[in-house]
Amino acid sequence: MTRDPYVRPQKIKVTLIISFSEKDVKKFETEADKSDSVFNLLRTVVAKENIELGVKEYDFGTLVEKIGDLQNTPDKSWIYFVNGASGDVAADQKIFNAGDTVEWKYVKPEF
């Protein structure tokens, strides 16, 4: 599906939280395109805030491996949550809605 070049994407308000630790939490109230993914939201905000982002592409989608100075390890990884529920698909596949809260937490993965 191609986008009509004369139609601008609808903007929606969303909250992005990046939890580096319990004491180091950054909150951003921002606008995003209505059809944006959790990953695109993160990528846009960290670029504006000059925060380093490391990713790896897989067949299933994009995996965030590093935000700022914190890299995924066997003990802790970057996991996203939308309105408190952990993601069920790759970050570039998850679309959010107006008013949602998207949070990236550096936590112990639970499988």
Protein backbone atom coordinates (compact mmCIF):
# COMPACT_ATOMS: atom_id res chain seq x y z
CA MET A 1 0.00 0.00 0.00
CA THR A 2 1.42 3.38 -0.96
CA ARG A 3 0.69 6.61 0.81
CA ASP A 4 -0.91 9.50 -1.01
CA PRO A 5 1.84 12.17 -1.06
CA TYR A 6 -0.78 14.91 -0.54
CA VAL A 7 -2.30 13.40 2.60
CA ARG A 8 -0.48 14.10 5.83
CA PRO A 9 -0.54 11.36 8.47
CA GLN A 10 -2.85 12.10 11.37
CA LYS A 11 -0.96 13.07 14.53
CA ILE A 12 -1.88 11.59 17.91
CA LYS A 13 -0.66 12.30 21.44
CA VAL A 14 1.28 9.59 23.22
CA THR A 15 3.51 9.25 26.28
CA LEU A 16 6.91 7.59 25.99
CA ILE A 17 8.74 6.52 29.16
CA ILE A 18 12.28 5.15 29.18
CA SER A 19 13.12 3.43 32.47
CA PHE A 20 16.89 3.02 32.70
CA SER A 21 16.48 2.06 36.37
CA GLU A 22 13.94 2.63 39.14
CA LYS A 23 15.58 5.99 39.89
CA ASP A 24 16.42 7.04 36.32
CA VAL A 25 13.16 7.40 34.40
CA LYS A 26 12.66 9.80 31.51
CA LYS A 27 9.13 10.76 30.42
CA PHE A 28 8.22 12.39 27.12
CA GLU A 29 4.81 13.72 26.12
CA THR A 30 4.89 13.81 22.32
CA GLU A 31 2.99 13.49 19.08
CA ALA A 32 3.40 10.71 16.57
CA ASP A 33 1.84 9.57 13.33
CA LYS A 34 -1.33 7.54 13.90
CA SER A 35 0.19 4.49 12.17
CA ASP A 36 3.60 4.66 13.92
CA SER A 37 5.11 1.66 15.64
CA VAL A 38 6.51 1.48 19.16
CA PHE A 39 9.97 1.32 17.60
CA ASN A 40 9.48 4.40 15.40
CA LEU A 41 8.27 6.36 18.41
CA LEU A 42 11.38 5.39 20.38
CA ARG A 43 13.70 6.10 17.46
CA THR A 44 12.22 9.57 16.91
CA VAL A 45 12.40 10.58 20.58
CA VAL A 46 15.93 9.30 21.24
CA ALA A 47 17.18 11.07 18.10
CA LYS A 48 15.70 14.38 19.36
CA GLU A 49 17.15 13.79 22.84
CA ASN A 50 20.55 12.65 21.51
CA ILE A 51 20.31 9.26 23.26
CA GLU A 52 22.20 6.37 21.67
CA LEU A 53 20.10 3.56 20.21
CA GLY A 54 21.32 0.13 19.11
CA VAL A 55 19.11 -2.28 17.17
CA LYS A 56 19.34 -5.55 15.30
CA GLU A 57 17.10 -6.65 12.44
CA TYR A 58 15.70 -10.18 12.42
CA ASP A 59 13.21 -11.99 10.18
CA PHE A 60 10.52 -11.38 12.81
CA GLY A 61 11.31 -7.65 13.12
CA THR A 62 13.47 -5.13 14.94
CA LEU A 63 14.99 -5.86 18.35
CA VAL A 64 16.19 -2.96 20.51
CA GLU A 65 19.55 -4.01 21.94
CA LYS A 66 20.77 -0.78 23.51
CA ILE A 67 19.37 2.51 24.77
CA GLY A 68 21.86 5.01 26.12
CA ASP A 69 24.67 3.15 27.86
CA LEU A 70 22.60 0.05 28.68
CA GLN A 71 23.11 -2.96 26.40
CA ASN A 72 21.06 -6.18 26.49
CA THR A 73 22.71 -8.93 28.54
CA PRO A 74 21.60 -12.41 29.63
CA ASP A 75 20.40 -10.82 32.90
CA LYS A 76 18.68 -7.65 31.63
CA SER A 77 17.13 -6.57 28.35
CA TRP A 78 15.09 -3.74 26.90
CA ILE A 79 11.42 -4.73 26.91
CA TYR A 80 8.57 -2.50 25.77
CA PHE A 81 5.14 -2.19 27.37
CA VAL A 82 2.01 -0.51 26.05
CA ASN A 83 -0.36 0.58 28.80
CA GLY A 84 1.40 -1.80 31.19
CA ALA A 85 1.22 -4.91 28.96
CA SER A 86 4.49 -6.31 27.61
CA GLY A 87 4.86 -6.54 23.86
CA ASP A 88 3.70 -9.61 22.01
CA VAL A 89 5.39 -8.78 18.66
CA ALA A 90 8.61 -7.09 17.57
CA ALA A 91 8.77 -3.37 18.37
CA ASP A 92 8.50 -2.34 14.72
CA GLN A 93 5.30 -4.38 14.36
CA LYS A 94 3.41 -2.97 17.36
CA ILE A 95 1.12 0.00 16.60
CA PHE A 96 -0.18 2.16 19.44
CA ASN A 97 -3.27 4.35 19.79
CA ALA A 98 -3.90 7.94 20.84
CA GLY A 99 -3.46 8.39 24.57
CA ASP A 100 -1.40 5.22 25.02
CA THR A 101 1.63 5.07 27.28
CA VAL A 102 4.60 3.29 25.76
CA GLU A 103 7.33 2.34 28.21
CA TRP A 104 10.74 0.83 27.57
CA LYS A 105 12.17 -0.87 30.67
CA TYR A 106 15.62 -2.32 31.25
CA VAL A 107 14.57 -5.42 33.17
CA LYS A 108 15.15 -9.13 33.63
CA PRO A 109 13.31 -10.91 30.81
CA GLU A 110 10.57 -13.30 31.93
CA PHE A 111 9.88 -16.12 29.50
